N, C-alpha and C. Protein backbone atom coordinates (compact mmCIF):
# COMPACT_ATOMS: atom_id res chain seq x y z
N UNK A 1 88.69 76.78 55.92
CA UNK A 1 89.47 75.27 55.71
C UNK A 1 89.84 75.33 54.44
N UNK A 2 89.41 75.85 53.32
CA UNK A 2 89.89 76.00 51.95
C UNK A 2 90.99 76.50 52.12
N UNK A 3 91.43 77.97 52.48
CA UNK A 3 92.41 78.53 51.95
C UNK A 3 93.65 77.78 53.05
N UNK A 4 93.44 77.33 54.01
CA UNK A 4 94.52 76.46 54.83
C UNK A 4 94.84 75.64 53.91
N UNK A 5 94.10 74.63 53.42
CA UNK A 5 94.65 73.52 52.83
C UNK A 5 95.52 73.92 51.19
N UNK A 6 94.81 75.00 50.80
CA UNK A 6 95.48 75.40 49.72
C UNK A 6 96.56 75.95 49.91
N UNK A 7 96.87 76.24 50.82
CA UNK A 7 98.33 77.01 51.40
C UNK A 7 99.29 75.85 51.74
N UNK A 8 98.83 75.10 52.34
CA UNK A 8 99.62 73.82 52.39
C UNK A 8 99.82 73.00 51.64
N UNK A 9 99.06 72.31 50.58
CA UNK A 9 99.53 72.02 49.29
C UNK A 9 100.26 72.71 48.42
N UNK A 10 99.98 74.00 48.46
CA UNK A 10 100.94 74.90 47.58
C UNK A 10 102.31 74.64 47.91
N UNK A 11 102.57 74.73 49.43
CA UNK A 11 103.79 74.45 49.91
C UNK A 11 104.60 73.29 49.25
N UNK A 12 104.04 72.49 49.65
CA UNK A 12 104.43 70.96 49.33
C UNK A 12 104.68 70.84 47.79
N UNK A 13 104.03 71.63 47.03
CA UNK A 13 104.23 71.78 45.43
C UNK A 13 105.55 72.37 45.22
N UNK A 14 105.30 73.37 45.93
CA UNK A 14 106.42 74.59 45.53
C UNK A 14 108.06 73.79 45.99
N UNK A 15 107.89 72.89 46.77
CA UNK A 15 108.69 71.91 47.26
C UNK A 15 109.62 71.17 46.13
N UNK A 16 108.49 70.59 45.70
CA UNK A 16 108.46 69.63 44.46
C UNK A 16 108.87 70.23 43.73
N UNK A 17 108.37 71.48 43.10
CA UNK A 17 108.82 72.54 41.98
C UNK A 17 110.48 72.35 42.00
N UNK A 18 110.48 73.27 43.05
CA UNK A 18 112.08 73.56 43.68
C UNK A 18 113.44 72.77 43.22
N UNK A 19 112.86 71.42 43.74
CA UNK A 19 113.83 69.92 43.57
C UNK A 19 113.98 69.63 41.95
N UNK A 20 112.82 69.94 41.37
CA UNK A 20 113.07 69.82 39.49
C UNK A 20 112.50 68.46 39.15
N UNK A 21 112.41 68.10 38.36
CA UNK A 21 112.43 66.74 37.35
C UNK A 21 111.12 66.29 37.85
N UNK A 22 110.15 67.36 37.98
CA UNK A 22 108.71 67.06 37.59
C UNK A 22 107.99 68.01 36.61
N UNK A 23 107.13 67.74 36.08
CA UNK A 23 106.36 68.70 34.93
C UNK A 23 105.31 69.11 35.84
N UNK A 24 105.15 70.14 34.93
CA UNK A 24 103.86 71.49 35.78
C UNK A 24 102.56 70.76 35.63
N UNK A 25 102.20 70.00 34.73
CA UNK A 25 100.84 69.32 34.55
C UNK A 25 100.99 68.13 35.83
N UNK A 26 101.76 67.50 35.80
CA UNK A 26 102.24 66.58 37.33
C UNK A 26 101.88 67.35 38.39
N UNK A 27 102.44 68.54 38.63
CA UNK A 27 102.55 69.33 39.92
C UNK A 27 100.99 69.74 39.97
N UNK A 28 100.47 70.23 39.15
CA UNK A 28 98.93 70.74 39.38
C UNK A 28 98.12 69.19 39.81
N UNK A 29 98.05 68.29 39.06
CA UNK A 29 97.63 67.24 39.41
C UNK A 29 97.73 66.54 40.81
N UNK A 30 99.38 66.92 41.48
CA UNK A 30 99.51 66.32 42.78
C UNK A 30 98.93 67.48 43.67
N UNK A 31 98.94 68.45 43.34
CA UNK A 31 98.56 69.52 44.21
C UNK A 31 96.82 69.43 44.39
N UNK A 32 96.22 69.41 43.30
CA UNK A 32 94.69 69.07 43.68
C UNK A 32 94.55 67.75 44.13
N UNK A 33 95.48 66.81 44.00
CA UNK A 33 94.83 65.30 44.56
C UNK A 33 95.16 65.57 46.47
N UNK A 34 96.41 66.24 46.57
CA UNK A 34 96.67 66.61 48.09
C UNK A 34 95.78 67.47 48.60
N UNK A 35 95.20 68.43 47.90
CA UNK A 35 93.94 69.00 48.57
C UNK A 35 92.77 68.28 48.69
N UNK A 36 92.41 67.45 47.76
CA UNK A 36 91.26 66.74 47.73
C UNK A 36 91.53 65.68 48.92
N UNK A 37 92.90 65.00 49.17
CA UNK A 37 92.87 64.25 50.28
C UNK A 37 93.12 64.72 51.77
N UNK A 38 93.42 66.23 51.97
CA UNK A 38 93.59 66.80 53.05
C UNK A 38 92.02 67.19 53.51
N UNK A 39 91.12 67.82 52.61
CA UNK A 39 89.75 67.88 52.69
C UNK A 39 89.03 66.60 53.52
N UNK A 40 89.49 65.52 52.86
CA UNK A 40 88.36 64.68 53.44
C UNK A 40 89.22 64.17 54.52
N UNK A 41 90.53 64.06 54.89
CA UNK A 41 91.02 63.79 55.97
C UNK A 41 90.65 64.63 57.32
N UNK A 42 90.41 66.13 57.07
CA UNK A 42 90.39 66.83 57.91
C UNK A 42 88.70 67.45 58.36
N UNK A 43 88.00 66.42 57.08
CA UNK A 43 86.50 66.66 57.10
C UNK A 43 85.82 67.10 58.58
N UNK A 44 86.14 66.05 59.55
CA UNK A 44 85.44 65.93 60.89
C UNK A 44 86.79 66.57 62.01
N UNK A 45 87.63 67.07 61.55
CA UNK A 45 88.51 67.49 62.60
C UNK A 45 89.21 68.64 62.54
N UNK A 46 87.97 69.79 62.02
CA UNK A 46 88.25 71.29 61.96
C UNK A 46 87.37 71.64 62.69
N UNK A 47 88.12 72.65 63.84
CA UNK A 47 87.32 73.26 64.83
C UNK A 47 87.77 74.94 64.70
N UNK A 48 86.86 75.77 63.98
CA UNK A 48 87.34 77.03 64.49
C UNK A 48 87.26 77.69 65.74
N UNK A 49 86.35 77.13 66.34
CA UNK A 49 86.03 77.89 67.27
C UNK A 49 87.11 77.39 68.61
N UNK A 50 88.09 76.62 68.27
CA UNK A 50 88.99 75.82 69.32
C UNK A 50 90.44 75.33 68.23
N UNK A 51 90.99 76.69 67.57
CA UNK A 51 91.70 75.90 66.22
C UNK A 51 92.83 74.93 66.74
N UNK A 52 93.56 74.75 68.41
CA UNK A 52 94.63 73.73 68.46
C UNK A 52 93.88 72.63 68.66
N UNK A 53 92.44 72.35 68.81
CA UNK A 53 91.89 70.68 68.94
C UNK A 53 92.01 70.45 67.25
N UNK A 54 92.70 68.86 67.76
CA UNK A 54 92.82 68.25 66.53
C UNK A 54 94.20 68.84 65.74
N UNK A 55 95.13 69.66 66.59
CA UNK A 55 96.05 70.03 65.51
C UNK A 55 97.07 68.91 65.55
N UNK A 56 97.40 67.70 66.26
CA UNK A 56 97.89 66.51 65.92
C UNK A 56 97.35 65.74 64.86
N UNK A 57 96.00 65.36 65.12
CA UNK A 57 95.79 64.91 63.48
C UNK A 57 95.94 65.28 62.60
N UNK A 58 95.86 66.88 62.71
CA UNK A 58 95.99 67.42 61.14
C UNK A 58 97.30 67.84 60.68
N UNK A 59 98.55 67.41 61.37
CA UNK A 59 99.62 67.54 61.03
C UNK A 59 100.39 66.69 60.11
N UNK A 60 100.77 67.37 59.09
CA UNK A 60 101.60 66.92 58.34
C UNK A 60 103.34 66.30 58.40
N UNK A 61 103.34 65.34 58.33
CA UNK A 61 104.81 64.94 58.78
C UNK A 61 105.67 63.96 57.88
N UNK A 62 107.04 64.24 57.72
CA UNK A 62 107.62 63.59 57.30
C UNK A 62 108.96 63.34 58.03
N UNK A 63 109.24 62.14 58.45
CA UNK A 63 110.54 61.72 59.65
C UNK A 63 110.98 60.49 59.50
N UNK A 64 111.55 60.29 58.17
CA UNK A 64 111.99 59.05 57.70
C UNK A 64 111.28 58.15 57.59
N UNK A 65 109.70 58.55 57.61
CA UNK A 65 108.51 57.58 56.97
C UNK A 65 107.58 58.81 56.15
N UNK A 66 107.43 58.35 55.20
CA UNK A 66 106.73 59.55 54.49
C UNK A 66 105.18 59.56 55.01
N UNK A 67 104.78 60.84 54.85
CA UNK A 67 103.40 61.23 55.35
C UNK A 67 102.45 60.36 54.42
N UNK A 68 101.14 59.86 54.73
CA UNK A 68 100.34 58.64 53.96
C UNK A 68 99.65 59.62 52.81
N UNK A 69 99.30 60.98 53.55
CA UNK A 69 98.37 62.01 52.56
C UNK A 69 99.13 62.75 51.56
N UNK A 70 100.80 62.97 51.69
CA UNK A 70 101.72 63.07 50.83
C UNK A 70 102.08 61.96 49.74
N UNK A 71 101.70 60.59 50.55
CA UNK A 71 102.29 59.93 49.71
C UNK A 71 101.10 59.04 48.57
N UNK A 72 100.25 59.51 49.37
CA UNK A 72 98.77 59.03 48.35
C UNK A 72 98.63 60.31 46.99
N UNK A 73 99.02 61.38 47.28
CA UNK A 73 98.68 62.20 46.40
C UNK A 73 100.14 62.20 45.32
N UNK A 74 101.15 61.80 45.47
CA UNK A 74 102.19 61.44 44.61
C UNK A 74 102.20 59.82 44.02
N UNK A 75 101.60 58.94 44.68
CA UNK A 75 101.33 58.06 44.32
C UNK A 75 100.28 58.03 43.05
N UNK A 76 99.32 59.15 43.12
CA UNK A 76 98.75 59.56 41.90
C UNK A 76 99.34 60.09 40.57
N UNK A 77 100.42 60.77 40.85
CA UNK A 77 101.21 61.20 39.54
C UNK A 77 102.05 60.00 39.46
N UNK A 78 102.36 59.00 39.72
CA UNK A 78 103.56 58.08 39.52
C UNK A 78 104.56 57.89 40.54
N UNK A 79 104.85 58.97 41.10
CA UNK A 79 105.87 59.14 42.25
C UNK A 79 105.77 58.35 43.04
N UNK A 80 107.12 57.41 43.60
CA UNK A 80 107.05 56.63 44.62
C UNK A 80 107.53 57.04 45.75
N UNK A 81 107.50 56.60 46.86
CA UNK A 81 108.06 57.15 48.43
C UNK A 81 109.46 57.38 48.24
N UNK A 82 110.35 56.25 47.54
CA UNK A 82 111.63 56.79 47.63
C UNK A 82 111.84 57.77 46.76
N UNK A 83 111.21 58.18 45.74
CA UNK A 83 111.90 59.65 44.65
C UNK A 83 111.13 60.58 45.62
N UNK A 84 109.80 60.63 46.43
CA UNK A 84 109.99 61.45 47.46
C UNK A 84 110.55 62.15 48.28
N UNK A 85 111.13 60.90 48.89
CA UNK A 85 112.24 61.18 50.02
C UNK A 85 113.44 61.66 49.09
N UNK A 86 113.43 62.07 48.19
CA UNK A 86 114.92 62.58 47.18
C UNK A 86 114.61 64.18 47.16
N UNK A 87 113.04 64.26 46.98
CA UNK A 87 112.70 65.51 46.36
C UNK A 87 112.44 66.30 47.60
N UNK A 88 111.97 65.91 48.81
CA UNK A 88 111.69 66.73 49.76
C UNK A 88 112.53 66.56 50.97
N UNK A 89 112.39 67.51 52.09
CA UNK A 89 113.33 67.26 53.25
C UNK A 89 113.05 66.19 53.86
N UNK A 90 114.34 65.39 54.39
CA UNK A 90 113.83 64.24 55.24
C UNK A 90 113.10 64.40 56.60
N UNK A 91 113.17 65.73 57.12
CA UNK A 91 112.47 66.30 58.26
C UNK A 91 111.67 67.38 57.69
N UNK A 92 110.31 67.18 57.97
CA UNK A 92 109.47 68.26 57.88
C UNK A 92 108.11 67.90 58.37
N UNK A 93 107.61 68.93 59.09
CA UNK A 93 106.43 69.15 59.68
C UNK A 93 105.67 70.00 59.30
N UNK A 94 104.43 70.39 59.26
CA UNK A 94 103.59 71.24 58.46
C UNK A 94 102.38 71.31 59.20
N UNK A 95 102.11 71.85 60.07
CA UNK A 95 100.89 72.20 61.01
C UNK A 95 100.07 72.95 59.89
N UNK A 96 98.58 72.35 59.93
CA UNK A 96 97.25 72.82 59.26
C UNK A 96 96.31 73.12 60.03
N UNK A 97 95.93 74.19 60.48
CA UNK A 97 95.29 74.37 61.60
C UNK A 97 94.04 75.82 61.24
N UNK A 98 93.03 76.02 61.67
CA UNK A 98 92.07 76.88 61.29
C UNK A 98 92.82 78.21 61.80
N UNK A 99 92.83 78.95 60.74
CA UNK A 99 93.57 80.51 60.82
C UNK A 99 95.23 80.27 60.87
N UNK A 100 95.82 79.49 60.46
CA UNK A 100 96.96 79.21 60.67
C UNK A 100 97.61 77.98 59.80
N UNK A 101 98.54 78.14 58.76
CA UNK A 101 99.44 77.01 58.21
C UNK A 101 100.91 77.22 58.52
N UNK A 102 101.42 76.67 59.24
CA UNK A 102 103.19 76.90 59.88
C UNK A 102 104.11 75.50 59.37
N UNK A 103 105.35 75.43 59.26
CA UNK A 103 105.81 74.61 58.79
C UNK A 103 107.47 74.64 59.83
N UNK A 104 108.21 73.33 59.73
CA UNK A 104 109.45 73.29 60.38
C UNK A 104 110.13 72.38 59.60
N UNK A 105 111.59 73.00 59.40
CA UNK A 105 112.17 72.05 58.25
C UNK A 105 113.29 71.38 59.28
N UNK A 106 113.55 70.17 59.62
CA UNK A 106 114.42 69.74 60.48
C UNK A 106 114.00 69.64 61.87
N UNK A 107 114.45 68.79 63.04
CA UNK A 107 113.68 68.99 64.43
C UNK A 107 114.10 70.03 65.22
N UNK A 108 115.51 70.92 64.97
CA UNK A 108 115.97 71.88 65.46
C UNK A 108 115.72 73.05 64.68
N UNK A 109 114.73 73.34 63.19
CA UNK A 109 114.38 74.28 62.57
C UNK A 109 113.50 75.34 62.64
N UNK A 110 113.56 76.48 62.63
CA UNK A 110 112.73 77.53 63.37
C UNK A 110 111.18 77.15 62.84
N UNK A 111 110.36 77.44 63.33
CA UNK A 111 108.70 77.30 62.98
C UNK A 111 108.43 78.55 62.53
N UNK A 112 108.00 78.64 61.06
CA UNK A 112 107.55 79.63 60.21
C UNK A 112 106.45 79.80 59.63
N UNK A 113 105.44 80.77 59.65
CA UNK A 113 104.12 80.97 59.24
C UNK A 113 104.18 81.15 57.77
N UNK A 114 103.20 80.05 57.41
CA UNK A 114 103.06 80.35 55.81
C UNK A 114 101.51 81.43 55.48
N UNK A 115 100.76 80.82 56.28
CA UNK A 115 99.41 81.85 56.35
C UNK A 115 99.09 82.09 57.86
N UNK A 116 98.61 83.46 58.25
CA UNK A 116 98.01 83.37 59.31
C UNK A 116 96.65 84.49 59.00
N UNK A 117 95.95 84.43 59.86
CA UNK A 117 94.60 84.99 59.72
C UNK A 117 93.84 85.46 60.82
N UNK A 118 93.34 86.20 61.33
CA UNK A 118 92.72 86.70 62.64
C UNK A 118 91.67 85.80 62.62
N UNK A 119 91.16 85.71 64.06
CA UNK A 119 90.10 84.87 64.34
C UNK A 119 88.64 85.52 64.26
N UNK A 120 87.84 85.05 63.98
CA UNK A 120 86.66 85.70 64.14
C UNK A 120 86.49 86.02 65.66
N UNK A 121 86.08 87.57 65.66
CA UNK A 121 86.05 88.32 67.13
C UNK A 121 87.46 88.01 67.92
N UNK A 122 88.42 87.87 67.37
CA UNK A 122 89.62 88.01 67.81
C UNK A 122 90.41 89.25 67.47
N UNK A 123 91.75 89.46 68.12
CA UNK A 123 92.12 90.47 67.55
C UNK A 123 93.28 90.37 66.22
N UNK A 124 93.34 91.24 65.50
CA UNK A 124 94.28 91.14 64.42
C UNK A 124 95.58 90.64 64.56
N UNK A 125 96.35 89.62 64.37
CA UNK A 125 97.64 89.14 64.36
C UNK A 125 98.64 90.18 63.80
N UNK A 126 100.00 90.75 64.19
CA UNK A 126 100.64 91.50 63.57
C UNK A 126 101.65 90.32 62.80
N UNK A 127 102.49 90.82 61.60
CA UNK A 127 103.22 89.70 60.91
C UNK A 127 104.12 89.30 61.85
N UNK A 128 104.93 88.15 61.36
CA UNK A 128 106.04 87.75 62.13
C UNK A 128 107.32 88.69 61.46
N UNK A 129 108.27 89.03 62.25
CA UNK A 129 109.33 89.54 61.64
C UNK A 129 110.16 88.77 61.05
N UNK A 130 110.31 87.56 61.38
CA UNK A 130 111.09 86.29 60.88
C UNK A 130 110.27 85.40 59.48
N UNK A 131 109.27 86.01 58.91
CA UNK A 131 108.49 85.46 57.86
C UNK A 131 109.66 85.39 56.64
N UNK A 132 110.27 86.56 56.37
CA UNK A 132 111.33 86.57 55.26
C UNK A 132 112.55 85.52 55.37
N UNK A 133 112.89 85.46 56.58
CA UNK A 133 113.78 84.23 56.40
C UNK A 133 113.57 83.19 56.57
N UNK A 134 112.44 83.08 57.11
CA UNK A 134 111.81 81.48 57.19
C UNK A 134 111.47 80.71 55.54
N UNK A 135 111.14 82.18 54.75
CA UNK A 135 110.67 81.97 53.17
C UNK A 135 111.89 80.99 52.53
N UNK A 136 113.03 81.98 52.79
CA UNK A 136 114.07 81.69 52.68
C UNK A 136 115.15 80.16 53.08
N UNK A 137 114.31 79.95 54.01
CA UNK A 137 115.23 78.94 54.37
C UNK A 137 115.01 77.47 53.88
N UNK A 138 113.70 77.37 53.28
CA UNK A 138 113.47 76.13 52.59
C UNK A 138 114.22 76.12 50.93
N UNK A 139 114.43 77.59 50.82
CA UNK A 139 114.69 77.58 49.08
C UNK A 139 116.37 77.35 49.50
N UNK A 140 116.91 77.28 50.05
CA UNK A 140 118.61 77.58 50.13
C UNK A 140 118.69 75.96 50.99
N UNK A 141 117.77 75.44 51.44
CA UNK A 141 118.01 74.32 52.00
C UNK A 141 118.60 73.77 53.61
N UNK A 142 118.32 74.67 54.36
CA UNK A 142 119.16 74.77 55.62
C UNK A 142 117.74 74.16 56.29
N UNK A 143 118.60 73.10 56.96
CA UNK A 143 117.43 72.30 58.16
C UNK A 143 117.26 72.74 59.09
N UNK A 144 118.33 73.46 59.82
CA UNK A 144 117.99 73.82 61.41
C UNK A 144 118.94 74.99 61.57
N UNK A 145 118.70 75.92 62.52
CA UNK A 145 119.93 76.63 63.16
C UNK A 145 120.61 76.37 63.86
N UNK A 146 121.74 77.22 63.83
CA UNK A 146 123.31 76.55 64.38
C UNK A 146 122.78 76.77 65.74
N UNK A 147 123.16 75.71 66.98
CA UNK A 147 123.19 75.57 68.26
C UNK A 147 123.92 76.66 68.91
N UNK A 148 123.69 77.56 69.29
CA UNK A 148 124.54 78.30 70.10
C UNK A 148 123.79 78.56 71.72
N UNK A 149 124.25 77.76 72.53
CA UNK A 149 123.42 77.88 73.56
C UNK A 149 124.35 78.91 75.05
N UNK A 150 123.67 79.83 75.31
CA UNK A 150 124.30 80.47 76.58
C UNK A 150 123.45 79.70 77.52
N UNK A 151 124.53 79.44 78.88
CA UNK A 151 123.78 78.92 80.30
C UNK A 151 124.05 80.42 81.22
N UNK A 152 123.00 80.03 81.92
CA UNK A 152 123.00 81.25 83.11
C UNK A 152 122.57 80.17 84.24
N UNK A 153 123.44 80.17 85.18
CA UNK A 153 123.71 79.81 86.84
C UNK A 153 122.95 80.63 87.59
N UNK A 154 122.12 80.05 88.65
CA UNK A 154 121.69 80.72 89.69
C UNK A 154 122.10 79.73 90.80
N UNK A 155 122.61 80.50 91.70
CA UNK A 155 122.66 80.28 93.09
C UNK A 155 122.28 81.08 94.31
N UNK A 156 122.03 80.38 95.19
CA UNK A 156 121.19 80.89 96.73
C UNK A 156 122.25 81.22 97.49
């Protein structure tokens, strides 16, 4: 759980750093506060034998409402929710599960894996081909992929 939480808190901290205007000491404090808030929140909701169990509870979400755990950590360094909305994507979903941390920016964005580890007794997973492009996605501010759908109809 420690690695997954550290990965999630580090990602949100990097988003804040990239936006600018927050000092390194404040960012360090934010990261530590967020890690502690996540540890406490996930304490009885972490199931390594069934990683998907509790996934919704562990999901960090910004969707025109600030996630309370991010808001709490930001409050510890004097950042208001209004300021957070200026610094972070307006649509962000961050899944923190045993053995995997992934995120999506925008409702239609790609799901990108930040951390992935093989489950004990399971097969090792292969790196995702799209990982590099996903890491770049948040840096350039792209919120979602272009929608280019092809339709195929079947008749009998």
